[in-house]
C-alpha atoms as a PDB file:
ATOM      1  CA  UNK A   1     -79.058  68.760 331.478  1.00  0.00           C
ATOM      2  CA  UNK A   2     -75.416  68.334 333.247  1.00  0.00           C
ATOM      3  CA  UNK A   3     -73.571  65.896 331.319  1.00  0.00           C
ATOM      4  CA  UNK A   4     -70.085  64.965 331.331  1.00  0.00           C
ATOM      5  CA  UNK A   5     -68.377  62.613 328.762  1.00  0.00           C
ATOM      6  CA  UNK A   6     -66.494  59.521 330.136  1.00  0.00           C
ATOM      7  CA  UNK A   7     -63.212  58.839 328.235  1.00  0.00           C
ATOM      8  CA  UNK A   8     -62.117  55.728 327.453  1.00  0.00           C
ATOM      9  CA  UNK A   9     -58.517  55.319 328.666  1.00  0.00           C
ATOM     10  CA  UNK A  10     -56.704  52.438 326.482  1.00  0.00           C
ATOM     11  CA  UNK A  11     -57.531  49.942 323.418  1.00  0.00           C
ATOM     12  CA  UNK A  12     -58.457  46.655 323.425  1.00  0.00           C
ATOM     13  CA  UNK A  13     -55.531  44.289 322.860  1.00  0.00           C
ATOM     14  CA  UNK A  14     -56.633  40.999 321.059  1.00  0.00           C
ATOM     15  CA  UNK A  15     -54.307  37.812 321.442  1.00  0.00           C
ATOM     16  CA  UNK A  16     -55.005  35.947 317.743  1.00  0.00           C
ATOM     17  CA  UNK A  17     -53.261  32.994 316.324  1.00  0.00           C
ATOM     18  CA  UNK A  18     -50.299  33.923 313.935  1.00  0.00           C
ATOM     19  CA  UNK A  19     -50.780  33.474 310.185  1.00  0.00           C
ATOM     20  CA  UNK A  20     -47.674  32.200 308.500  1.00  0.00           C
ATOM     21  CA  UNK A  21     -45.831  35.362 306.723  1.00  0.00           C
ATOM     22  CA  UNK A  22     -44.890  34.906 303.013  1.00  0.00           C
ATOM     23  CA  UNK A  23     -41.629  36.842 301.931  1.00  0.00           C
ATOM     24  CA  UNK A  24     -40.765  37.476 298.252  1.00  0.00           C
ATOM     25  CA  UNK A  25     -41.086  34.408 296.088  1.00  0.00           C
ATOM     26  CA  UNK A  26     -37.683  32.484 295.800  1.00  0.00           C
ATOM     27  CA  UNK A  27     -35.996  31.816 292.498  1.00  0.00           C
ATOM     28  CA  UNK A  28     -35.779  28.119 293.396  1.00  0.00           C
ATOM     29  CA  UNK A  29     -38.466  25.763 294.216  1.00  0.00           C
ATOM     30  CA  UNK A  30     -38.614  25.012 297.734  1.00  0.00           C
ATOM     31  CA  UNK A  31     -40.737  22.352 300.150  1.00  0.00           C
ATOM     32  CA  UNK A  32     -43.888  23.323 301.290  1.00  0.00           C
ATOM     33  CA  UNK A  33     -43.860  24.662 304.543  1.00  0.00           C
ATOM     34  CA  UNK A  34     -45.085  22.270 307.457  1.00  0.00           C
ATOM     35  CA  UNK A  35     -48.343  23.014 309.068  1.00  0.00           C
ATOM     36  CA  UNK A  36     -48.294  23.651 312.641  1.00  0.00           C
ATOM     37  CA  UNK A  37     -51.023  24.257 315.258  1.00  0.00           C
ATOM     38  CA  UNK A  38     -50.978  27.957 316.415  1.00  0.00           C
ATOM     39  CA  UNK A  39     -49.613  28.827 319.783  1.00  0.00           C
ATOM     40  CA  UNK A  40     -52.586  29.393 322.217  1.00  0.00           C
ATOM     41  CA  UNK A  41     -51.593  33.101 323.056  1.00  0.00           C
ATOM     42  CA  UNK A  42     -49.383  34.615 320.103  1.00  0.00           C
ATOM     43  CA  UNK A  43     -48.720  38.370 320.302  1.00  0.00           C
ATOM     44  CA  UNK A  44     -50.093  40.516 317.770  1.00  0.00           C
ATOM     45  CA  UNK A  45     -48.126  43.603 318.583  1.00  0.00           C
ATOM     46  CA  UNK A  46     -45.314  43.155 320.590  1.00  0.00           C
ATOM     47  CA  UNK A  47     -44.412  41.076 323.777  1.00  0.00           C
ATOM     48  CA  UNK A  48     -44.564  44.545 325.703  1.00  0.00           C
ATOM     49  CA  UNK A  49     -48.171  44.782 324.818  1.00  0.00           C
ATOM     50  CA  UNK A  50     -49.012  41.524 326.752  1.00  0.00           C
ATOM     51  CA  UNK A  51     -50.434  41.170 330.014  1.00  0.00           C
ATOM     52  CA  UNK A  52     -47.767  39.652 332.430  1.00  0.00           C
ATOM     53  CA  UNK A  53     -47.697  35.381 332.636  1.00  0.00           C
ATOM     54  CA  UNK A  54     -48.843  35.688 336.046  1.00  0.00           C
ATOM     55  CA  UNK A  55     -51.960  37.948 335.199  1.00  0.00           C
ATOM     56  CA  UNK A  56     -52.869  34.897 332.754  1.00  0.00           C
ATOM     57  CA  UNK A  57     -52.133  32.404 335.150  1.00  0.00           C
ATOM     58  CA  UNK A  58     -53.992  33.881 337.903  1.00  0.00           C
ATOM     59  CA  UNK A  59     -57.079  34.528 335.411  1.00  0.00           C
ATOM     60  CA  UNK A  60     -56.886  30.753 334.006  1.00  0.00           C
ATOM     61  CA  UNK A  61     -56.737  29.610 337.481  1.00  0.00           C
ATOM     62  CA  UNK A  62     -59.776  31.709 338.706  1.00  0.00           C
ATOM     63  CA  UNK A  63     -61.680  30.274 335.651  1.00  0.00           C
ATOM     64  CA  UNK A  64     -60.643  26.770 336.259  1.00  0.00           C
ATOM     65  CA  UNK A  65     -61.678  26.923 340.307  1.00  0.00           C
ATOM     66  CA  UNK A  66     -65.356  27.488 339.164  1.00  0.00           C
ATOM     67  CA  UNK A  67     -65.578  25.723 335.736  1.00  0.00           C
ATOM     68  CA  UNK A  68     -63.990  22.282 336.670  1.00  0.00           C
ATOM     69  CA  UNK A  69     -61.953  22.637 333.317  1.00  0.00           C
ATOM     70  CA  UNK A  70     -58.154  22.790 333.816  1.00  0.00           C
ATOM     71  CA  UNK A  71     -56.017  25.614 333.387  1.00  0.00           C
ATOM     72  CA  UNK A  72     -54.663  23.631 329.893  1.00  0.00           C
ATOM     73  CA  UNK A  73     -57.888  23.129 328.690  1.00  0.00           C
ATOM     74  CA  UNK A  74     -58.827  26.941 328.892  1.00  0.00           C
ATOM     75  CA  UNK A  75     -58.203  29.358 326.023  1.00  0.00           C
ATOM     76  CA  UNK A  76     -57.322  32.909 326.562  1.00  0.00           C
ATOM     77  CA  UNK A  77     -59.317  34.725 323.711  1.00  0.00           C
ATOM     78  CA  UNK A  78     -58.827  38.416 324.434  1.00  0.00           C
ATOM     79  CA  UNK A  79     -57.049  40.772 326.838  1.00  0.00           C
ATOM     80  CA  UNK A  80     -56.937  44.637 327.451  1.00  0.00           C
ATOM     81  CA  UNK A  81     -55.053  46.989 329.908  1.00  0.00           C
ATOM     82  CA  UNK A  82     -57.404  49.065 332.022  1.00  0.00           C
ATOM     83  CA  UNK A  83     -57.867  51.416 334.803  1.00  0.00           C
ATOM     84  CA  UNK A  84     -60.384  50.228 337.441  1.00  0.00           C
ATOM     85  CA  UNK A  85     -62.037  52.872 339.394  1.00  0.00           C
ATOM     86  CA  UNK A  86     -61.529  51.330 342.618  1.00  0.00           C
ATOM     87  CA  UNK A  87     -60.078  48.279 344.358  1.00  0.00           C
ATOM     88  CA  UNK A  88     -63.464  46.445 343.600  1.00  0.00           C
ATOM     89  CA  UNK A  89     -61.715  45.814 340.242  1.00  0.00           C
ATOM     90  CA  UNK A  90     -65.104  46.884 338.364  1.00  0.00           C
ATOM     91  CA  UNK A  91     -66.834  43.691 340.071  1.00  0.00           C
ATOM     92  CA  UNK A  92     -68.204  45.588 343.427  1.00  0.00           C
ATOM     93  CA  UNK A  93     -69.958  43.394 345.686  1.00  0.00           C
ATOM     94  CA  UNK A  94     -73.488  44.622 347.048  1.00  0.00           C
ATOM     95  CA  UNK A  95     -72.621  46.113 350.736  1.00  0.00           C
ATOM     96  CA  UNK A  96     -69.036  46.134 350.440  1.00  0.00           C
ATOM     97  CA  UNK A  97     -66.997  49.243 350.324  1.00  0.00           C
ATOM     98  CA  UNK A  98     -63.671  49.844 348.337  1.00  0.00           C
ATOM     99  CA  UNK A  99     -60.423  51.769 348.504  1.00  0.00           C
ATOM    100  CA  UNK A 100     -61.197  54.602 346.099  1.00  0.00           C
ATOM    101  CA  UNK A 101     -58.502  55.188 343.919  1.00  0.00           C
ATOM    102  CA  UNK A 102     -57.631  54.098 340.196  1.00  0.00           C
ATOM    103  CA  UNK A 103     -56.196  50.614 340.122  1.00  0.00           C
ATOM    104  CA  UNK A 104     -54.481  49.501 337.149  1.00  0.00           C
ATOM    105  CA  UNK A 105     -55.135  46.196 335.767  1.00  0.00           C
ATOM    106  CA  UNK A 106     -56.286  44.004 333.184  1.00  0.00           C
ATOM    107  CA  UNK A 107     -59.677  42.397 331.777  1.00  0.00           C
ATOM    108  CA  UNK A 108     -59.093  38.618 330.528  1.00  0.00           C
ATOM    109  CA  UNK A 109     -61.675  36.721 328.506  1.00  0.00           C
ATOM    110  CA  UNK A 110     -61.143  33.129 328.709  1.00  0.00           C
ATOM    111  CA  UNK A 111     -62.907  30.609 326.884  1.00  0.00           C
ATOM    112  CA  UNK A 112     -63.905  26.901 328.442  1.00  0.00           C
ATOM    113  CA  UNK A 113     -64.173  23.908 325.784  1.00  0.00           C
ATOM    114  CA  UNK A 114     -68.035  24.173 325.657  1.00  0.00           C
ATOM    115  CA  UNK A 115     -67.554  27.705 324.293  1.00  0.00           C
ATOM    116  CA  UNK A 116     -68.526  29.391 327.409  1.00  0.00           C
ATOM    117  CA  UNK A 117     -66.724  32.649 327.880  1.00  0.00           C
ATOM    118  CA  UNK A 118     -65.683  34.065 331.299  1.00  0.00           C
ATOM    119  CA  UNK A 119     -64.420  37.464 332.136  1.00  0.00           C
ATOM    120  CA  UNK A 120     -61.576  37.982 334.896  1.00  0.00           C
ATOM    121  CA  UNK A 121     -60.683  41.331 335.980  1.00  0.00           C
ATOM    122  CA  UNK A 122     -57.368  41.628 337.801  1.00  0.00           C
ATOM    123  CA  UNK A 123     -54.619  44.126 339.224  1.00  0.00           C
ATOM    124  CA  UNK A 124     -51.358  45.018 337.185  1.00  0.00           C
ATOM    125  CA  UNK A 125     -49.670  42.011 339.050  1.00  0.00           C
ATOM    126  CA  UNK A 126     -51.991  39.229 338.775  1.00  0.00           C
ATOM    127  CA  UNK A 127     -51.834  39.009 342.807  1.00  0.00           C
ATOM    128  CA  UNK A 128     -55.780  39.813 342.612  1.00  0.00           C
ATOM    129  CA  UNK A 129     -57.829  38.114 340.119  1.00  0.00           C
ATOM    130  CA  UNK A 130     -61.999  38.286 340.352  1.00  0.00           C
ATOM    131  CA  UNK A 131     -64.327  36.364 338.136  1.00  0.00           C
ATOM    132  CA  UNK A 132     -67.260  38.315 337.031  1.00  0.00           C
ATOM    133  CA  UNK A 133     -70.184  36.477 335.814  1.00  0.00           C
ATOM    134  CA  UNK A 134     -69.542  35.051 332.086  1.00  0.00           C
ATOM    135  CA  UNK A 135     -71.553  36.380 328.809  1.00  0.00           C
ATOM    136  CA  UNK A 136     -72.406  39.378 331.083  1.00  0.00           C
ATOM    137  CA  UNK A 137     -72.883  42.703 328.516  1.00  0.00           C
ATOM    138  CA  UNK A 138     -69.431  44.599 328.792  1.00  0.00           C
ATOM    139  CA  UNK A 139     -71.527  48.053 329.406  1.00  0.00           C
ATOM    140  CA  UNK A 140     -72.448  46.963 332.831  1.00  0.00           C
ATOM    141  CA  UNK A 141     -68.995  46.576 334.068  1.00  0.00           C
ATOM    142  CA  UNK A 142     -67.121  48.786 336.402  1.00  0.00           C
ATOM    143  CA  UNK A 143     -64.057  49.544 334.948  1.00  0.00           C
ATOM    144  CA  UNK A 144     -62.842  52.991 333.101  1.00  0.00           C
ATOM    145  CA  UNK A 145     -62.093  50.963 330.109  1.00  0.00           C
ATOM    146  CA  UNK A 146     -64.173  48.394 328.314  1.00  0.00           C
ATOM    147  CA  UNK A 147     -64.701  46.768 325.157  1.00  0.00           C
ATOM    148  CA  UNK A 148     -68.040  48.589 324.913  1.00  0.00           C
ATOM    149  CA  UNK A 149     -67.731  52.513 323.398  1.00  0.00           C
ATOM    150  CA  UNK A 150     -68.413  54.507 326.627  1.00  0.00           C
ATOM    151  CA  UNK A 151     -67.514  57.582 325.109  1.00  0.00           C
ATOM    152  CA  UNK A 152     -70.857  57.961 323.976  1.00  0.00           C
ATOM    153  CA  UNK A 153     -72.284  57.452 327.237  1.00  0.00           C
ATOM    154  CA  UNK A 154     -73.155  60.710 329.503  1.00  0.00           C
ATOM    155  CA  UNK A 155     -71.639  60.320 333.284  1.00  0.00           C
ATOM    156  CA  UNK A 156     -75.566  59.726 334.005  1.00  0.00           C
ATOM    157  CA  UNK A 157     -75.637  56.566 332.026  1.00  0.00           C
ATOM    158  CA  UNK A 158     -72.412  55.464 332.995  1.00  0.00           C
ATOM    159  CA  UNK A 159     -73.583  55.552 336.550  1.00  0.00           C
ATOM    160  CA  UNK A 160     -76.650  53.458 335.879  1.00  0.00           C
ATOM    161  CA  UNK A 161     -74.533  51.064 334.182  1.00  0.00           C
ATOM    162  CA  UNK A 162     -72.463  50.750 337.568  1.00  0.00           C
ATOM    163  CA  UNK A 163     -75.922  50.802 339.837  1.00  0.00           C
ATOM    164  CA  UNK A 164     -77.118  48.014 337.961  1.00  0.00           C
ATOM    165  CA  UNK A 165     -73.710  45.830 338.168  1.00  0.00           C
ATOM    166  CA  UNK A 166     -73.829  46.515 341.524  1.00  0.00           C
ATOM    167  CA  UNK A 167     -77.355  45.058 342.217  1.00  0.00           C
ATOM    168  CA  UNK A 168     -76.210  42.243 339.810  1.00  0.00           C
ATOM    169  CA  UNK A 169     -78.430  43.533 336.938  1.00  0.00           C
ATOM    170  CA  UNK A 170     -78.022  42.518 333.291  1.00  0.00           C
ATOM    171  CA  UNK A 171     -78.053  46.085 332.230  1.00  0.00           C
ATOM    172  CA  UNK A 172     -79.240  49.655 332.895  1.00  0.00           C
ATOM    173  CA  UNK A 173     -82.733  49.061 331.116  1.00  0.00           C
ATOM    174  CA  UNK A 174     -83.559  47.273 334.137  1.00  0.00           C
ATOM    175  CA  UNK A 175     -83.761  50.200 336.438  1.00  0.00           C
ATOM    176  CA  UNK A 176     -86.507  53.031 336.335  1.00  0.00           C
ATOM    177  CA  UNK A 177     -85.478  56.322 336.643  1.00  0.00           C
ATOM    178  CA  UNK A 178     -88.225  58.069 338.825  1.00  0.00           C
ATOM    179  CA  UNK A 179     -86.877  61.491 339.608  1.00  0.00           C
ATOM    180  CA  UNK A 180     -83.755  63.335 338.025  1.00  0.00           C
ATOM    181  CA  UNK A 181     -82.576  66.658 338.872  1.00  0.00           C
ATOM    182  CA  UNK A 182     -79.656  68.922 338.685  1.00  0.00           C
ATOM    183  CA  UNK A 183     -78.473  69.909 341.963  1.00  0.00           C
ATOM    184  CA  UNK A 184     -75.534  71.530 344.370  1.00  0.00           C
ATOM    185  CA  UNK A 185     -74.561  69.222 347.086  1.00  0.00           C
ATOM    186  CA  UNK A 186     -73.530  71.300 350.227  1.00  0.00           C
ATOM    187  CA  UNK A 187     -70.327  69.376 350.821  1.00  0.00           C
ATOM    188  CA  UNK A 188     -68.395  66.361 349.658  1.00  0.00           C
ATOM    189  CA  UNK A 189     -71.128  63.666 351.352  1.00  0.00           C
ATOM    190  CA  UNK A 190     -73.218  64.349 348.479  1.00  0.00           C
ATOM    191  CA  UNK A 191     -76.146  64.586 350.431  1.00  0.00           C
ATOM    192  CA  UNK A 192     -75.616  60.958 351.994  1.00  0.00           C
ATOM    193  CA  UNK A 193     -73.244  61.583 354.932  1.00  0.00           C
ATOM    194  CA  UNK A 194     -71.663  58.600 356.876  1.00  0.00           C
ATOM    195  CA  UNK A 195     -71.950  58.888 361.004  1.00  0.00           C
ATOM    196  CA  UNK A 196     -69.699  60.900 362.541  1.00  0.00           C
ATOM    197  CA  UNK A 197     -67.121  61.460 359.511  1.00  0.00           C
ATOM    198  CA  UNK A 198     -66.032  64.992 358.358  1.00  0.00           C
ATOM    199  CA  UNK A 199     -66.412  66.322 354.902  1.00  0.00           C
ATOM    200  CA  UNK A 200     -65.171  69.363 352.933  1.00  0.00           C
ATOM    201  CA  UNK A 201     -67.453  72.186 353.004  1.00  0.00           C
ATOM    202  CA  UNK A 202     -67.278  73.011 349.700  1.00  0.00           C
ATOM    203  CA  UNK A 203     -70.247  73.483 347.368  1.00  0.00           C
ATOM    204  CA  UNK A 204     -69.915  70.356 344.668  1.00  0.00           C
ATOM    205  CA  UNK A 205     -72.626  70.561 341.579  1.00  0.00           C
ATOM    206  CA  UNK A 206     -73.905  67.393 340.373  1.00  0.00           C
ATOM    207  CA  UNK A 207     -77.197  65.347 339.898  1.00  0.00           C
ATOM    208  CA  UNK A 208     -79.865  63.528 342.015  1.00  0.00           C
ATOM    209  CA  UNK A 209     -81.404  60.199 340.272  1.00  0.00           C
ATOM    210  CA  UNK A 210     -84.022  58.272 342.305  1.00  0.00           C
ATOM    211  CA  UNK A 211     -84.321  55.035 340.601  1.00  0.00           C
ATOM    212  CA  UNK A 212     -86.431  51.802 341.142  1.00  0.00           C
ATOM    213  CA  UNK A 213     -85.225  48.072 340.920  1.00  0.00           C
ATOM    214  CA  UNK A 214     -86.800  45.263 339.190  1.00  0.00           C
ATOM    215  CA  UNK A 215     -88.182  43.897 342.736  1.00  0.00           C
ATOM    216  CA  UNK A 216     -89.525  47.430 343.561  1.00  0.00           C
ATOM    217  CA  UNK A 217     -86.530  48.605 346.197  1.00  0.00           C
ATOM    218  CA  UNK A 218     -85.752  52.386 345.681  1.00  0.00           C
ATOM    219  CA  UNK A 219     -82.331  54.161 345.233  1.00  0.00           C
ATOM    220  CA  UNK A 220     -81.096  57.682 345.456  1.00  0.00           C
ATOM    221  CA  UNK A 221     -77.946  57.858 343.195  1.00  0.00           C
ATOM    222  CA  UNK A 222     -76.169  61.126 343.946  1.00  0.00           C
ATOM    223  CA  UNK A 223     -73.261  62.379 341.636  1.00  0.00           C
ATOM    224  CA  UNK A 224     -70.872  64.551 341.740  1.00  0.00           C
ATOM    225  CA  UNK A 225     -69.197  66.587 338.727  1.00  0.00           C
ATOM    226  CA  UNK A 226     -65.973  65.181 340.124  1.00  0.00           C
ATOM    227  CA  UNK A 227     -66.868  61.886 339.306  1.00  0.00           C
ATOM    228  CA  UNK A 228     -67.780  60.771 342.756  1.00  0.00           C
ATOM    229  CA  UNK A 229     -70.930  58.797 343.218  1.00  0.00           C
ATOM    230  CA  UNK A 230     -72.579  57.582 346.481  1.00  0.00           C
ATOM    231  CA  UNK A 231     -76.137  55.358 346.152  1.00  0.00           C
ATOM    232  CA  UNK A 232     -78.116  55.726 349.602  1.00  0.00           C
ATOM    233  CA  UNK A 233     -81.515  54.408 350.424  1.00  0.00           C
ATOM    234  CA  UNK A 234     -84.509  56.616 350.960  1.00  0.00           C
ATOM    235  CA  UNK A 235     -83.386  57.619 354.450  1.00  0.00           C
ATOM    236  CA  UNK A 236     -80.258  58.982 352.850  1.00  0.00           C
ATOM    237  CA  UNK A 237     -77.935  56.130 354.569  1.00  0.00           C
ATOM    238  CA  UNK A 238     -74.907  55.499 352.014  1.00  0.00           C
ATOM    239  CA  UNK A 239     -74.989  51.756 350.645  1.00  0.00           C
ATOM    240  CA  UNK A 240     -72.172  52.025 348.266  1.00  0.00           C
ATOM    241  CA  UNK A 241     -69.712  54.486 346.907  1.00  0.00           C
ATOM    242  CA  UNK A 242     -67.349  54.619 343.803  1.00  0.00           C
ATOM    243  CA  UNK A 243     -65.279  56.937 341.642  1.00  0.00           C
ATOM    244  CA  UNK A 244     -66.932  56.675 337.999  1.00  0.00           C
ATOM    245  CA  UNK A 245     -63.878  58.407 336.664  1.00  0.00           C
ATOM    246  CA  UNK A 246     -60.995  60.443 337.425  1.00  0.00           C
ATOM    247  CA  UNK A 247     -60.584  64.254 336.747  1.00  0.00           C
ATOM    248  CA  UNK A 248     -57.655  66.212 336.430  1.00  0.00           C
ATOM    249  CA  UNK A 249     -58.761  69.783 336.858  1.00  0.00           C
ATOM    250  CA  UNK A 250     -60.525  69.194 340.051  1.00  0.00           C
ATOM    251  CA  UNK A 251     -58.225  70.205 343.451  1.00  0.00           C
ATOM    252  CA  UNK A 252     -57.821  67.280 345.369  1.00  0.00           C
ATOM    253  CA  UNK A 253     -59.122  64.732 343.424  1.00  0.00           C
ATOM    254  CA  UNK A 254     -57.998  60.970 343.707  1.00  0.00           C
ATOM    255  CA  UNK A 255     -56.250  60.874 340.558  1.00  0.00           C
ATOM    256  CA  UNK A 256     -52.465  59.718 341.667  1.00  0.00           C
ATOM    257  CA  UNK A 257     -50.072  60.933 339.683  1.00  0.00           C
ATOM    258  CA  UNK A 258     -46.934  58.675 338.376  1.00  0.00           C
ATOM    259  CA  UNK A 259     -44.816  60.134 340.838  1.00  0.00           C
ATOM    260  CA  UNK A 260     -47.082  59.752 343.692  1.00  0.00           C
ATOM    261  CA  UNK A 261     -47.873  56.004 343.094  1.00  0.00           C
ATOM    262  CA  UNK A 262     -44.525  54.190 344.571  1.00  0.00           C
ATOM    263  CA  UNK A 263     -45.435  56.163 347.673  1.00  0.00           C
ATOM    264  CA  UNK A 264     -49.008  55.505 347.864  1.00  0.00           C
ATOM    265  CA  UNK A 265     -47.780  51.339 347.522  1.00  0.00           C
ATOM    266  CA  UNK A 266     -45.763  51.850 350.489  1.00  0.00           C
ATOM    267  CA  UNK A 267     -48.512  53.756 352.270  1.00  0.00           C
ATOM    268  CA  UNK A 268     -50.780  50.651 351.899  1.00  0.00           C
ATOM    269  CA  UNK A 269     -48.015  48.178 352.413  1.00  0.00           C
ATOM    270  CA  UNK A 270     -47.626  50.063 355.588  1.00  0.00           C
ATOM    271  CA  UNK A 271     -51.201  49.849 356.822  1.00  0.00           C
ATOM    272  CA  UNK A 272     -51.402  46.262 355.778  1.00  0.00           C
ATOM    273  CA  UNK A 273     -48.583  45.493 357.990  1.00  0.00           C
ATOM    274  CA  UNK A 274     -50.414  47.386 360.755  1.00  0.00           C
ATOM    275  CA  UNK A 275     -53.407  45.395 360.752  1.00  0.00           C
ATOM    276  CA  UNK A 276     -55.657  47.501 358.355  1.00  0.00           C
ATOM    277  CA  UNK A 277     -58.031  46.110 355.815  1.00  0.00           C
ATOM    278  CA  UNK A 278     -57.054  48.223 352.735  1.00  0.00           C
ATOM    279  CA  UNK A 279     -60.131  47.358 351.073  1.00  0.00           C
ATOM    280  CA  UNK A 280     -62.190  48.776 353.900  1.00  0.00           C
ATOM    281  CA  UNK A 281     -60.385  52.192 353.617  1.00  0.00           C
ATOM    282  CA  UNK A 282     -61.016  55.424 351.265  1.00  0.00           C
ATOM    283  CA  UNK A 283     -58.606  57.557 350.280  1.00  0.00           C
ATOM    284  CA  UNK A 284     -59.835  60.990 351.240  1.00  0.00           C
ATOM    285  CA  UNK A 285     -57.264  63.233 350.123  1.00  0.00           C
ATOM    286  CA  UNK A 286     -53.361  63.253 349.026  1.00  0.00           C
ATOM    287  CA  UNK A 287     -50.506  65.822 348.979  1.00  0.00           C
ATOM    288  CA  UNK A 288     -46.841  66.031 347.902  1.00  0.00           C
ATOM    289  CA  UNK A 289     -44.938  67.909 351.012  1.00  0.00           C
ATOM    290  CA  UNK A 290     -41.576  68.453 352.287  1.00  0.00           C
ATOM    291  CA  UNK A 291     -41.325  67.045 355.928  1.00  0.00           C
ATOM    292  CA  UNK A 292     -38.903  69.355 358.118  1.00  0.00           C
ATOM    293  CA  UNK A 293     -36.929  66.223 359.124  1.00  0.00           C
ATOM    294  CA  UNK A 294     -36.472  62.405 359.008  1.00  0.00           C
ATOM    295  CA  UNK A 295     -39.762  61.818 361.386  1.00  0.00           C
ATOM    296  CA  UNK A 296     -42.175  62.312 358.258  1.00  0.00           C
ATOM    297  CA  UNK A 297     -44.093  64.480 360.305  1.00  0.00           C
ATOM    298  CA  UNK A 298     -44.852  61.595 363.018  1.00  0.00           C
ATOM    299  CA  UNK A 299     -42.492  61.920 365.789  1.00  0.00           C
ATOM    300  CA  UNK A 300     -42.197  59.518 368.420  1.00  0.00           C
ATOM    301  CA  UNK A 301     -41.382  60.495 372.216  1.00  0.00           C
ATOM    302  CA  UNK A 302     -37.833  60.368 373.258  1.00  0.00           C
ATOM    303  CA  UNK A 303     -36.706  59.534 369.653  1.00  0.00           C
ATOM    304  CA  UNK A 304     -34.033  61.421 367.609  1.00  0.00           C
ATOM    305  CA  UNK A 305     -34.352  62.602 364.024  1.00  0.00           C
ATOM    306  CA  UNK A 306     -31.796  63.847 361.035  1.00  0.00           C
ATOM    307  CA  UNK A 307     -32.721  67.281 360.681  1.00  0.00           C
ATOM    308  CA  UNK A 308     -33.043  67.336 356.936  1.00  0.00           C
ATOM    309  CA  UNK A 309     -35.805  68.229 354.495  1.00  0.00           C
ATOM    310  CA  UNK A 310     -37.344  65.248 353.254  1.00  0.00           C
ATOM    311  CA  UNK A 311     -39.736  65.206 350.342  1.00  0.00           C
ATOM    312  CA  UNK A 312     -42.561  62.900 350.854  1.00  0.00           C
ATOM    313  CA  UNK A 313     -46.541  62.411 350.584  1.00  0.00           C
ATOM    314  CA  UNK A 314     -49.300  62.677 353.245  1.00  0.00           C
ATOM    315  CA  UNK A 315     -51.854  60.175 352.364  1.00  0.00           C
ATOM    316  CA  UNK A 316     -55.498  60.675 354.353  1.00  0.00           C
ATOM    317  CA  UNK A 317     -57.555  57.485 354.560  1.00  0.00           C
ATOM    318  CA  UNK A 318     -60.935  56.620 356.584  1.00  0.00           C
ATOM    319  CA  UNK A 319     -62.422  53.397 357.583  1.00  0.00           C
ATOM    320  CA  UNK A 320     -66.117  52.664 357.482  1.00  0.00           C
ATOM    321  CA  UNK A 321     -66.776  54.125 360.560  1.00  0.00           C
ATOM    322  CA  UNK A 322     -65.727  57.606 359.709  1.00  0.00           C
ATOM    323  CA  UNK A 323     -62.273  57.229 361.235  1.00  0.00           C
ATOM    324  CA  UNK A 324     -59.025  59.138 359.941  1.00  0.00           C
ATOM    325  CA  UNK A 325     -56.335  57.072 359.443  1.00  0.00           C
ATOM    326  CA  UNK A 326     -52.908  59.481 358.205  1.00  0.00           C
ATOM    327  CA  UNK A 327     -50.282  58.015 356.528  1.00  0.00           C
ATOM    328  CA  UNK A 328     -46.835  59.850 355.732  1.00  0.00           C
ATOM    329  CA  UNK A 329     -44.783  58.800 353.199  1.00  0.00           C
ATOM    330  CA  UNK A 330     -40.852  59.900 351.915  1.00  0.00           C
ATOM    331  CA  UNK A 331     -40.667  59.758 347.991  1.00  0.00           C
ATOM    332  CA  UNK A 332     -41.712  55.946 348.184  1.00  0.00           C
ATOM    333  CA  UNK A 333     -39.440  53.874 350.532  1.00  0.00           C
ATOM    334  CA  UNK A 334     -40.603  54.759 353.752  1.00  0.00           C
ATOM    335  CA  UNK A 335     -44.096  55.114 355.404  1.00  0.00           C
ATOM    336  CA  UNK A 336     -45.289  55.836 358.818  1.00  0.00           C
ATOM    337  CA  UNK A 337     -49.266  55.094 359.996  1.00  0.00           C
ATOM    338  CA  UNK A 338     -49.679  58.536 361.890  1.00  0.00           C
ATOM    339  CA  UNK A 339     -52.064  58.745 365.061  1.00  0.00           C
ATOM    340  CA  UNK A 340     -50.959  62.211 366.100  1.00  0.00           C
ATOM    341  CA  UNK A 341     -49.449  64.085 363.190  1.00  0.00           C
ATOM    342  CA  UNK A 342     -47.289  67.038 364.405  1.00  0.00           C
ATOM    343  CA  UNK A 343     -48.926  70.356 363.564  1.00  0.00           C
ATOM    344  CA  UNK A 344     -45.569  71.915 361.880  1.00  0.00           C
ATOM    345  CA  UNK A 345     -44.181  68.693 360.685  1.00  0.00           C
ATOM    346  CA  UNK A 346     -44.517  69.868 357.179  1.00  0.00           C
ATOM    347  CA  UNK A 347     -43.382  72.882 355.065  1.00  0.00           C
ATOM    348  CA  UNK A 348     -46.051  75.193 354.214  1.00  0.00           C
ATOM    349  CA  UNK A 349     -47.048  74.468 350.367  1.00  0.00           C
ATOM    350  CA  UNK A 350     -46.421  77.453 348.286  1.00  0.00           C
END
């Protein structure tokens, strides 16, 4: 049976009340220390371990907006740093497509005065905070790092967790697996191609599942060994795509390096400034390149460019209609959305 272990990326950071610390017993009597109420979110392991204040505030405001409780009455009971597999931040909505890129962020647990716990998923800055259903089983979350010990799950089990969450189910146990087989997909579409879309014609080992939801609807779950997953209907129409985990040994994987991430953020900003909805785009490939001049491989008519070699990156996105969008960047400060990339705009990679 084809299996792959999912690796938990980081540890849970608990925010607990600080207990008063007792030093060596003094030689002379001292007065009893004054009892103080514990701070609402004191750090246990240093300020550098805490989420940014904007992340905490965004989480509190997200809960306040649905609970009817003011942020002052809410208590943050736990936080942890995570890496979400896409821009859904572990809270995908049925029928929605998300940018397939590892997204750093936080999971924040907030408790209301009546004891109800809410789970908020954020990005790294707090600009986006999504409220997932309260008191849900962590194992059904889509993040790469959850409080459940996911290292004991096979890829298949973890995929079923994500599918269950996408369908709004409480756990994968509500899905009935009707068929399961190892396959070799003929290309990167994993057997569920989008119309008018080009895929890399390479053999992708993986797995095919036929599952049935509680309402009787059947779905095909197609997995690739690189961590990509596509959920299709029985007519092979793709309904939902995501990346379960990022690999470091598969050529062309979407796990951005630390060096590439600033350029990627610049690319996203350029797309947004051009009116693109980045949440509707999929990152198909990226590579480090050396542009032949300052046009970044995207020269415009009647423009002059400095003839200097420019290190940078080429990002290739696709939208829901299968259209390809190119974004060329330098090392991180400048990006160009390129409709017609120059054929020889970059030096050949060695």
